[in-house]
């Protein structure tokens, strides 16, 4: 039994949740008489990608967790402005962890930690991200609660890699260009890269997909949007939000 005025604190324990085993150590603060039980301040997160629709969909996933996560800013193709606890890098139509973009984010003094948020769990990409200093590598299949738990664990100093998803089904709430027209997240990403002017070889290198897979996604996307050529697909993409955005959204949902 703890002496009078002291607080009994549990030792480390493993909490089982969709991320797998992550060790948490409860922290008790006391002055021999009073325990500070006030809730911790929410962590400040910046969302990074080139597409507003992608980042806004991601931001809405945290709507029910504003006591734990505050979106400080949303950066679509703009540099990080605020000082944040975590910069969450969404890889939609972006270079993956084997490119220098994640290095720049990791080394940014305004970001306490950098985390990759992606569909792509190729072992080489996971290894590259962690070796470069990323504090997390998280799947877009994680439901909101598991994503919040992961970010909180990362903020506490854990390095969290979520399990490789069996099937790449997007978490509820995520969005992407062309979703209303019936494009899947992967078809949308391929079309976004084509709209950026990337060749099939470049798209394959960026996404770690085979050339045959790229061609299959392109044919499927063309069929859904009614395009019969690459030129028609690019023009459709330009008219339907597939060109990268360039703006910052500060104070999302009354954030700092």
Foldseek 3Di string as FASTA:
>chain_A
DDDQLDDDFDAWDFDQDQQGTDIDGDDWDGPSHDTPPDDDAAFEEEEDEQAPQQVVLVVVLCVVPNRHYFHFKYFRADDDDAQGAEYEYECQLHFALVDCPLLCVQPDRSYNAYEYEYLDPDVVRVVSNVVSPHQEYHYQQDRSVVVSVVVVSSSVPHRGYGDNDPDRDGYPRGDAFCVVLPQDSVLRSLLLNLLVVDDLVRSCVRRVHDSVVSVVSPVVSCVSVVHDDSVVSNVVCVVGRSHGHGDMDGCVVNGD
